[in-house]
Protein backbone atom coordinates (compact mmCIF):
# COMPACT_ATOMS: atom_id res chain seq x y z
CA UNK A 1 0.00 0.00 0.00
CA UNK A 2 1.32 3.47 -0.88
CA UNK A 3 1.65 6.23 1.70
CA UNK A 4 0.16 9.65 1.00
CA UNK A 5 0.72 12.62 3.26
CA UNK A 6 -1.99 15.27 3.33
CA UNK A 7 -2.06 18.51 5.29
CA UNK A 8 -5.48 19.47 6.64
CA UNK A 9 -6.65 22.43 8.72
CA UNK A 10 -6.92 21.87 12.46
CA UNK A 11 -10.74 22.02 12.44
CA UNK A 12 -10.97 19.40 9.69
CA UNK A 13 -8.61 17.13 11.62
CA UNK A 14 -10.88 17.42 14.67
CA UNK A 15 -13.92 16.53 12.56
CA UNK A 16 -12.06 13.60 10.99
CA UNK A 17 -11.03 12.31 14.41
CA UNK A 18 -14.57 12.58 15.77
CA UNK A 19 -16.12 10.94 12.72
CA UNK A 20 -13.57 8.12 12.70
CA UNK A 21 -14.11 7.48 16.41
CA UNK A 22 -17.88 7.45 15.95
CA UNK A 23 -17.57 4.94 13.10
CA UNK A 24 -15.00 2.87 15.00
CA UNK A 25 -12.30 3.16 12.34
CA UNK A 26 -9.04 4.99 11.85
CA UNK A 27 -8.72 8.35 10.14
CA UNK A 28 -6.78 6.63 7.37
CA UNK A 29 -9.67 4.21 6.74
CA UNK A 30 -12.15 7.08 6.75
CA UNK A 31 -10.11 9.10 4.27
CA UNK A 32 -9.56 6.03 2.03
CA UNK A 33 -13.32 5.43 1.97
CA UNK A 34 -13.98 9.07 1.08
CA UNK A 35 -11.37 9.06 -1.69
CA UNK A 36 -12.71 5.80 -3.12
CA UNK A 37 -16.23 7.25 -3.31
CA UNK A 38 -14.94 10.37 -5.09
CA UNK A 39 -12.98 8.29 -7.59
CA UNK A 40 -15.91 5.91 -8.11
CA UNK A 41 -18.20 8.88 -8.82
CA UNK A 42 -15.79 10.03 -11.54
CA UNK A 43 -15.26 6.68 -13.28
CA UNK A 44 -15.63 8.36 -16.66
CA UNK A 45 -12.21 9.92 -16.05
CA UNK A 46 -9.55 7.38 -16.93
CA UNK A 47 -5.85 7.96 -16.48
CA UNK A 48 -4.04 7.94 -19.82
CA UNK A 49 -0.52 8.44 -20.98
CA UNK A 50 0.30 10.73 -23.89
CA UNK A 51 0.80 7.60 -25.98
CA UNK A 52 -2.68 6.33 -25.09
CA UNK A 53 -4.20 9.67 -26.09
CA UNK A 54 -2.33 9.81 -29.41
CA UNK A 55 -2.44 6.10 -30.35
CA UNK A 56 -4.62 6.74 -33.40
CA UNK A 57 -1.98 9.03 -34.94
CA UNK A 58 1.22 7.26 -33.86
CA UNK A 59 3.07 6.14 -36.95
CA UNK A 60 0.83 8.15 -39.26
CA UNK A 61 3.65 10.41 -40.43
CA UNK A 62 6.37 9.17 -42.74
CA UNK A 63 9.89 10.44 -42.29
CA UNK A 64 13.22 9.66 -40.69
CA UNK A 65 13.03 7.63 -37.50
CA UNK A 66 15.68 9.75 -35.77
CA UNK A 67 13.91 13.08 -36.32
CA UNK A 68 13.62 13.91 -32.60
CA UNK A 69 17.31 13.71 -31.75
CA UNK A 70 19.39 14.04 -34.95
CA UNK A 71 20.59 17.64 -35.28
CA UNK A 72 21.18 17.10 -38.99
CA UNK A 73 17.41 17.42 -39.51
CA UNK A 74 17.39 20.87 -37.85
CA UNK A 75 19.68 22.59 -40.34
CA UNK A 76 18.01 25.75 -41.57
CA UNK A 77 15.09 25.39 -39.16
CA UNK A 78 13.70 28.75 -38.01
CA UNK A 79 15.50 30.85 -40.61
PDB file of N, CA and C in Angstrom:
ATOM      1  N   UNK A   1       0.853  -1.171   0.000  1.00  0.00           N
ATOM      2  CA  UNK A   1       0.000   0.000   0.000  1.00  0.00           C
ATOM      3  C   UNK A   1       0.901   1.237   0.000  1.00  0.00           C
ATOM      4  N   UNK A   2       0.571   2.222  -0.799  1.00  0.00           N
ATOM      5  CA  UNK A   2       1.319   3.473  -0.881  1.00  0.00           C
ATOM      6  C   UNK A   2       0.955   4.377   0.297  1.00  0.00           C
ATOM      7  N   UNK A   3       1.881   5.248   0.650  1.00  0.00           N
ATOM      8  CA  UNK A   3       1.647   6.234   1.704  1.00  0.00           C
ATOM      9  C   UNK A   3       1.466   7.595   1.060  1.00  0.00           C
ATOM     10  N   UNK A   4       0.454   8.309   1.490  1.00  0.00           N
ATOM     11  CA  UNK A   4       0.163   9.653   0.999  1.00  0.00           C
ATOM     12  C   UNK A   4       0.044  10.575   2.202  1.00  0.00           C
ATOM     13  N   UNK A   5       0.780  11.661   2.168  1.00  0.00           N
ATOM     14  CA  UNK A   5       0.724  12.625   3.258  1.00  0.00           C
ATOM     15  C   UNK A   5      -0.118  13.815   2.818  1.00  0.00           C
ATOM     16  N   UNK A   6      -1.082  14.175   3.649  1.00  0.00           N
ATOM     17  CA  UNK A   6      -1.985  15.273   3.327  1.00  0.00           C
ATOM     18  C   UNK A   6      -2.038  16.221   4.514  1.00  0.00           C
ATOM     19  N   UNK A   7      -1.921  17.511   4.229  1.00  0.00           N
ATOM     20  CA  UNK A   7      -2.059  18.513   5.287  1.00  0.00           C
ATOM     21  C   UNK A   7      -3.506  18.993   5.303  1.00  0.00           C
ATOM     22  N   UNK A   8      -4.089  19.007   6.494  1.00  0.00           N
ATOM     23  CA  UNK A   8      -5.476  19.471   6.635  1.00  0.00           C
ATOM     24  C   UNK A   8      -5.526  20.527   7.732  1.00  0.00           C
ATOM     25  N   UNK A   9      -6.491  21.430   7.646  1.00  0.00           N
ATOM     26  CA  UNK A   9      -6.652  22.428   8.716  1.00  0.00           C
ATOM     27  C   UNK A   9      -7.013  21.743  10.037  1.00  0.00           C
ATOM     28  N   UNK A  10      -6.690  22.415  11.110  1.00  0.00           N
ATOM     29  CA  UNK A  10      -6.922  21.868  12.458  1.00  0.00           C
ATOM     30  C   UNK A  10      -8.388  21.475  12.665  1.00  0.00           C
ATOM     31  N   UNK A  11      -9.324  22.325  12.226  1.00  0.00           N
ATOM     32  CA  UNK A  11     -10.744  22.016  12.445  1.00  0.00           C
ATOM     33  C   UNK A  11     -11.178  20.787  11.650  1.00  0.00           C
ATOM     34  N   UNK A  12     -10.631  20.589  10.464  1.00  0.00           N
ATOM     35  CA  UNK A  12     -10.966  19.396   9.686  1.00  0.00           C
ATOM     36  C   UNK A  12     -10.401  18.151  10.358  1.00  0.00           C
ATOM     37  N   UNK A  13      -9.201  18.261  10.910  1.00  0.00           N
ATOM     38  CA  UNK A  13      -8.610  17.132  11.624  1.00  0.00           C
ATOM     39  C   UNK A  13      -9.472  16.733  12.827  1.00  0.00           C
ATOM     40  N   UNK A  14     -10.000  17.716  13.538  1.00  0.00           N
ATOM     41  CA  UNK A  14     -10.875  17.423  14.674  1.00  0.00           C
ATOM     42  C   UNK A  14     -12.142  16.704  14.216  1.00  0.00           C
ATOM     43  N   UNK A  15     -12.719  17.173  13.102  1.00  0.00           N
ATOM     44  CA  UNK A  15     -13.923  16.530  12.565  1.00  0.00           C
ATOM     45  C   UNK A  15     -13.623  15.119  12.076  1.00  0.00           C
ATOM     46  N   UNK A  16     -12.454  14.938  11.435  1.00  0.00           N
ATOM     47  CA  UNK A  16     -12.062  13.599  10.987  1.00  0.00           C
ATOM     48  C   UNK A  16     -11.891  12.653  12.165  1.00  0.00           C
ATOM     49  N   UNK A  17     -11.239  13.132  13.205  1.00  0.00           N
ATOM     50  CA  UNK A  17     -11.030  12.308  14.406  1.00  0.00           C
ATOM     51  C   UNK A  17     -12.355  11.910  15.037  1.00  0.00           C
ATOM     52  N   UNK A  18     -13.260  12.863  15.169  1.00  0.00           N
ATOM     53  CA  UNK A  18     -14.568  12.582  15.774  1.00  0.00           C
ATOM     54  C   UNK A  18     -15.375  11.605  14.922  1.00  0.00           C
ATOM     55  N   UNK A  19     -15.361  11.822  13.618  1.00  0.00           N
ATOM     56  CA  UNK A  19     -16.120  10.937  12.721  1.00  0.00           C
ATOM     57  C   UNK A  19     -15.531   9.531  12.720  1.00  0.00           C
ATOM     58  N   UNK A  20     -14.218   9.435  12.688  1.00  0.00           N
ATOM     59  CA  UNK A  20     -13.567   8.121  12.703  1.00  0.00           C
ATOM     60  C   UNK A  20     -13.863   7.385  14.007  1.00  0.00           C
ATOM     61  N   UNK A  21     -13.816   8.105  15.118  1.00  0.00           N
ATOM     62  CA  UNK A  21     -14.113   7.477  16.412  1.00  0.00           C
ATOM     63  C   UNK A  21     -15.563   6.997  16.465  1.00  0.00           C
ATOM     64  N   UNK A  22     -16.464   7.815  15.949  1.00  0.00           N
ATOM     65  CA  UNK A  22     -17.885   7.453  15.947  1.00  0.00           C
ATOM     66  C   UNK A  22     -18.129   6.208  15.090  1.00  0.00           C
ATOM     67  N   UNK A  23     -17.404   6.092  13.994  1.00  0.00           N
ATOM     68  CA  UNK A  23     -17.565   4.940  13.104  1.00  0.00           C
ATOM     69  C   UNK A  23     -16.724   3.745  13.525  1.00  0.00           C
ATOM     70  N   UNK A  24     -15.839   3.956  14.504  1.00  0.00           N
ATOM     71  CA  UNK A  24     -14.999   2.866  14.997  1.00  0.00           C
ATOM     72  C   UNK A  24     -13.905   2.471  14.015  1.00  0.00           C
ATOM     73  N   UNK A  25     -13.382   3.447  13.292  1.00  0.00           N
ATOM     74  CA  UNK A  25     -12.301   3.162  12.343  1.00  0.00           C
ATOM     75  C   UNK A  25     -11.228   4.242  12.443  1.00  0.00           C
ATOM     76  N   UNK A  26     -10.132   4.007  11.795  1.00  0.00           N
ATOM     77  CA  UNK A  26      -9.041   4.986  11.846  1.00  0.00           C
ATOM     78  C   UNK A  26      -9.317   6.130  10.875  1.00  0.00           C
ATOM     79  N   UNK A  27      -8.593   7.233  11.077  1.00  0.00           N
ATOM     80  CA  UNK A  27      -8.723   8.355  10.142  1.00  0.00           C
ATOM     81  C   UNK A  27      -8.275   7.933   8.740  1.00  0.00           C
ATOM     82  N   UNK A  28      -7.255   7.105   8.673  1.00  0.00           N
ATOM     83  CA  UNK A  28      -6.784   6.629   7.369  1.00  0.00           C
ATOM     84  C   UNK A  28      -7.874   5.855   6.636  1.00  0.00           C
ATOM     85  N   UNK A  29      -8.564   4.965   7.364  1.00  0.00           N
ATOM     86  CA  UNK A  29      -9.665   4.209   6.745  1.00  0.00           C
ATOM     87  C   UNK A  29     -10.776   5.139   6.280  1.00  0.00           C
ATOM     88  N   UNK A  30     -11.096   6.123   7.093  1.00  0.00           N
ATOM     89  CA  UNK A  30     -12.148   7.076   6.753  1.00  0.00           C
ATOM     90  C   UNK A  30     -11.782   7.866   5.488  1.00  0.00           C
ATOM     91  N   UNK A  31     -10.555   8.330   5.428  1.00  0.00           N
ATOM     92  CA  UNK A  31     -10.108   9.096   4.269  1.00  0.00           C
ATOM     93  C   UNK A  31     -10.048   8.214   3.022  1.00  0.00           C
ATOM     94  N   UNK A  32      -9.576   6.959   3.172  1.00  0.00           N
ATOM     95  CA  UNK A  32      -9.557   6.028   2.034  1.00  0.00           C
ATOM     96  C   UNK A  32     -10.961   5.815   1.477  1.00  0.00           C
ATOM     97  N   UNK A  33     -11.931   5.628   2.381  1.00  0.00           N
ATOM     98  CA  UNK A  33     -13.320   5.429   1.968  1.00  0.00           C
ATOM     99  C   UNK A  33     -13.842   6.652   1.219  1.00  0.00           C
ATOM    100  N   UNK A  34     -13.531   7.839   1.735  1.00  0.00           N
ATOM    101  CA  UNK A  34     -13.980   9.073   1.076  1.00  0.00           C
ATOM    102  C   UNK A  34     -13.341   9.215  -0.304  1.00  0.00           C
ATOM    103  N   UNK A  35     -12.051   8.953  -0.407  1.00  0.00           N
ATOM    104  CA  UNK A  35     -11.366   9.058  -1.694  1.00  0.00           C
ATOM    105  C   UNK A  35     -11.899   8.043  -2.698  1.00  0.00           C
ATOM    106  N   UNK A  36     -12.155   6.827  -2.228  1.00  0.00           N
ATOM    107  CA  UNK A  36     -12.713   5.799  -3.119  1.00  0.00           C
ATOM    108  C   UNK A  36     -14.078   6.215  -3.659  1.00  0.00           C
ATOM    109  N   UNK A  37     -14.905   6.831  -2.828  1.00  0.00           N
ATOM    110  CA  UNK A  37     -16.227   7.251  -3.306  1.00  0.00           C
ATOM    111  C   UNK A  37     -16.114   8.393  -4.311  1.00  0.00           C
ATOM    112  N   UNK A  38     -15.149   9.290  -4.123  1.00  0.00           N
ATOM    113  CA  UNK A  38     -14.942  10.370  -5.093  1.00  0.00           C
ATOM    114  C   UNK A  38     -14.469   9.805  -6.417  1.00  0.00           C
ATOM    115  N   UNK A  39     -13.509   8.891  -6.366  1.00  0.00           N
ATOM    116  CA  UNK A  39     -12.977   8.294  -7.594  1.00  0.00           C
ATOM    117  C   UNK A  39     -14.055   7.468  -8.293  1.00  0.00           C
ATOM    118  N   UNK A  40     -14.836   6.727  -7.536  1.00  0.00           N
ATOM    119  CA  UNK A  40     -15.907   5.913  -8.113  1.00  0.00           C
ATOM    120  C   UNK A  40     -16.954   6.791  -8.802  1.00  0.00           C
ATOM    121  N   UNK A  41     -17.226   7.960  -8.242  1.00  0.00           N
ATOM    122  CA  UNK A  41     -18.203   8.884  -8.823  1.00  0.00           C
ATOM    123  C   UNK A  41     -17.698   9.486 -10.130  1.00  0.00           C
ATOM    124  N   UNK A  42     -16.393   9.475 -10.333  1.00  0.00           N
ATOM    125  CA  UNK A  42     -15.792  10.030 -11.543  1.00  0.00           C
ATOM    126  C   UNK A  42     -15.172   8.949 -12.415  1.00  0.00           C
ATOM    127  N   UNK A  43     -15.828   7.799 -12.517  1.00  0.00           N
ATOM    128  CA  UNK A  43     -15.262   6.683 -13.279  1.00  0.00           C
ATOM    129  C   UNK A  43     -15.117   6.987 -14.757  1.00  0.00           C
ATOM    130  N   UNK A  44     -15.775   8.018 -15.243  1.00  0.00           N
ATOM    131  CA  UNK A  44     -15.626   8.360 -16.657  1.00  0.00           C
ATOM    132  C   UNK A  44     -14.244   8.942 -16.936  1.00  0.00           C
ATOM    133  N   UNK A  45     -13.563   9.395 -15.894  1.00  0.00           N
ATOM    134  CA  UNK A  45     -12.208   9.915 -16.047  1.00  0.00           C
ATOM    135  C   UNK A  45     -11.239   8.746 -15.910  1.00  0.00           C
ATOM    136  N   UNK A  46     -10.512   8.465 -16.975  1.00  0.00           N
ATOM    137  CA  UNK A  46      -9.548   7.381 -16.934  1.00  0.00           C
ATOM    138  C   UNK A  46      -8.148   7.941 -17.127  1.00  0.00           C
ATOM    139  N   UNK A  47      -7.213   7.470 -16.327  1.00  0.00           N
ATOM    140  CA  UNK A  47      -5.847   7.961 -16.477  1.00  0.00           C
ATOM    141  C   UNK A  47      -5.241   7.444 -17.780  1.00  0.00           C
ATOM    142  N   UNK A  48      -4.653   8.319 -18.550  1.00  0.00           N
ATOM    143  CA  UNK A  48      -4.042   7.937 -19.818  1.00  0.00           C
ATOM    144  C   UNK A  48      -2.669   8.561 -19.949  1.00  0.00           C
ATOM    145  N   UNK A  49      -1.814   7.862 -20.647  1.00  0.00           N
ATOM    146  CA  UNK A  49      -0.519   8.436 -20.976  1.00  0.00           C
ATOM    147  C   UNK A  49      -0.677   9.223 -22.275  1.00  0.00           C
ATOM    148  N   UNK A  50       0.330   9.998 -22.615  1.00  0.00           N
ATOM    149  CA  UNK A  50       0.296  10.732 -23.889  1.00  0.00           C
ATOM    150  C   UNK A  50       0.187   9.750 -25.044  1.00  0.00           C
ATOM    151  N   UNK A  51       0.868   8.603 -24.931  1.00  0.00           N
ATOM    152  CA  UNK A  51       0.800   7.597 -25.985  1.00  0.00           C
ATOM    153  C   UNK A  51      -0.619   7.054 -26.135  1.00  0.00           C
ATOM    154  N   UNK A  52      -1.297   6.800 -25.020  1.00  0.00           N
ATOM    155  CA  UNK A  52      -2.684   6.327 -25.087  1.00  0.00           C
ATOM    156  C   UNK A  52      -3.577   7.345 -25.791  1.00  0.00           C
ATOM    157  N   UNK A  53      -3.368   8.625 -25.493  1.00  0.00           N
ATOM    158  CA  UNK A  53      -4.197   9.667 -26.087  1.00  0.00           C
ATOM    159  C   UNK A  53      -3.924   9.858 -27.575  1.00  0.00           C
ATOM    160  N   UNK A  54      -2.701   9.576 -28.012  1.00  0.00           N
ATOM    161  CA  UNK A  54      -2.326   9.807 -29.407  1.00  0.00           C
ATOM    162  C   UNK A  54      -2.181   8.512 -30.205  1.00  0.00           C
ATOM    163  N   UNK A  55      -2.677   7.386 -29.692  1.00  0.00           N
ATOM    164  CA  UNK A  55      -2.438   6.103 -30.350  1.00  0.00           C
ATOM    165  C   UNK A  55      -3.011   6.031 -31.763  1.00  0.00           C
ATOM    166  N   UNK A  56      -4.044   6.796 -32.056  1.00  0.00           N
ATOM    167  CA  UNK A  56      -4.619   6.745 -33.399  1.00  0.00           C
ATOM    168  C   UNK A  56      -3.768   7.492 -34.428  1.00  0.00           C
ATOM    169  N   UNK A  57      -2.825   8.315 -33.982  1.00  0.00           N
ATOM    170  CA  UNK A  57      -1.978   9.031 -34.939  1.00  0.00           C
ATOM    171  C   UNK A  57      -0.513   8.603 -34.882  1.00  0.00           C
ATOM    172  N   UNK A  58      -0.159   7.733 -33.950  1.00  0.00           N
ATOM    173  CA  UNK A  58       1.220   7.260 -33.856  1.00  0.00           C
ATOM    174  C   UNK A  58       1.550   6.463 -35.106  1.00  0.00           C
ATOM    175  N   UNK A  59       2.637   6.836 -35.745  1.00  0.00           N
ATOM    176  CA  UNK A  59       3.074   6.144 -36.954  1.00  0.00           C
ATOM    177  C   UNK A  59       2.386   6.622 -38.209  1.00  0.00           C
ATOM    178  N   UNK A  60       1.570   7.672 -38.100  1.00  0.00           N
ATOM    179  CA  UNK A  60       0.830   8.148 -39.263  1.00  0.00           C
ATOM    180  C   UNK A  60       1.669   9.049 -40.165  1.00  0.00           C
ATOM    181  N   UNK A  61       2.806   9.502 -39.666  1.00  0.00           N
ATOM    182  CA  UNK A  61       3.655  10.414 -40.427  1.00  0.00           C
ATOM    183  C   UNK A  61       4.877   9.652 -40.912  1.00  0.00           C
ATOM    184  N   UNK A  62       5.184   9.820 -42.193  1.00  0.00           N
ATOM    185  CA  UNK A  62       6.374   9.171 -42.736  1.00  0.00           C
ATOM    186  C   UNK A  62       7.537  10.140 -42.657  1.00  0.00           C
ATOM    187  N   UNK A  63       8.696   9.626 -42.377  1.00  0.00           N
ATOM    188  CA  UNK A  63       9.892  10.442 -42.292  1.00  0.00           C
ATOM    189  C   UNK A  63      10.986   9.676 -41.590  1.00  0.00           C
ATOM    190  N   UNK A  64      12.107  10.345 -41.348  1.00  0.00           N
ATOM    191  CA  UNK A  64      13.223   9.662 -40.695  1.00  0.00           C
ATOM    192  C   UNK A  64      12.874   9.273 -39.263  1.00  0.00           C
ATOM    193  N   UNK A  65      13.355   8.115 -38.841  1.00  0.00           N
ATOM    194  CA  UNK A  65      13.025   7.627 -37.498  1.00  0.00           C
ATOM    195  C   UNK A  65      13.791   8.355 -36.405  1.00  0.00           C
ATOM    196  N   UNK A  66      14.873   9.056 -36.768  1.00  0.00           N
ATOM    197  CA  UNK A  66      15.683   9.749 -35.770  1.00  0.00           C
ATOM    198  C   UNK A  66      15.424  11.255 -35.749  1.00  0.00           C
ATOM    199  N   UNK A  67      14.254  11.667 -36.182  1.00  0.00           N
ATOM    200  CA  UNK A  67      13.912  13.078 -36.317  1.00  0.00           C
ATOM    201  C   UNK A  67      13.993  13.837 -34.986  1.00  0.00           C
ATOM    202  N   UNK A  68      13.692  13.204 -33.880  1.00  0.00           N
ATOM    203  CA  UNK A  68      13.624  13.909 -32.603  1.00  0.00           C
ATOM    204  C   UNK A  68      14.988  14.182 -31.972  1.00  0.00           C
ATOM    205  N   UNK A  69      16.027  13.501 -32.407  1.00  0.00           N
ATOM    206  CA  UNK A  69      17.315  13.707 -31.750  1.00  0.00           C
ATOM    207  C   UNK A  69      18.489  13.939 -32.697  1.00  0.00           C
ATOM    208  N   UNK A  70      18.310  13.836 -33.994  1.00  0.00           N
ATOM    209  CA  UNK A  70      19.393  14.036 -34.946  1.00  0.00           C
ATOM    210  C   UNK A  70      19.427  15.497 -35.379  1.00  0.00           C
ATOM    211  N   UNK A  71      20.484  16.202 -34.993  1.00  0.00           N
ATOM    212  CA  UNK A  71      20.590  17.636 -35.277  1.00  0.00           C
ATOM    213  C   UNK A  71      20.722  17.915 -36.774  1.00  0.00           C
ATOM    214  N   UNK A  72      21.062  16.939 -37.539  1.00  0.00           N
ATOM    215  CA  UNK A  72      21.177  17.101 -38.991  1.00  0.00           C
ATOM    216  C   UNK A  72      19.837  17.538 -39.590  1.00  0.00           C
ATOM    217  N   UNK A  73      18.738  17.086 -38.999  1.00  0.00           N
ATOM    218  CA  UNK A  73      17.407  17.417 -39.508  1.00  0.00           C
ATOM    219  C   UNK A  73      16.988  18.849 -39.167  1.00  0.00           C
ATOM    220  N   UNK A  74      17.732  19.517 -38.281  1.00  0.00           N
ATOM    221  CA  UNK A  74      17.385  20.870 -37.847  1.00  0.00           C
ATOM    222  C   UNK A  74      18.105  21.966 -38.632  1.00  0.00           C
ATOM    223  N   UNK A  75      18.955  21.582 -39.562  1.00  0.00           N
ATOM    224  CA  UNK A  75      19.678  22.590 -40.343  1.00  0.00           C
ATOM    225  C   UNK A  75      18.699  23.491 -41.079  1.00  0.00           C
ATOM    226  N   UNK A  76      18.850  24.793 -40.900  1.00  0.00           N
ATOM    227  CA  UNK A  76      18.008  25.753 -41.575  1.00  0.00           C
ATOM    228  C   UNK A  76      16.654  25.980 -40.912  1.00  0.00           C
ATOM    229  N   UNK A  77      16.379  25.248 -39.844  1.00  0.00           N
ATOM    230  CA  UNK A  77      15.088  25.395 -39.163  1.00  0.00           C
ATOM    231  C   UNK A  77      15.010  26.765 -38.492  1.00  0.00           C
ATOM    232  N   UNK A  78      13.934  27.474 -38.655  1.00  0.00           N
ATOM    233  CA  UNK A  78      13.705  28.754 -38.007  1.00  0.00           C
ATOM    234  C   UNK A  78      14.344  29.942 -38.703  1.00  0.00           C
ATOM    235  N   UNK A  79      14.854  29.747 -39.896  1.00  0.00           N
ATOM    236  CA  UNK A  79      15.503  30.849 -40.613  1.00  0.00           C
ATOM    237  C   UNK A  79      14.630  31.349 -41.730  1.00  0.00           C
TER     238      UNK A  79
END
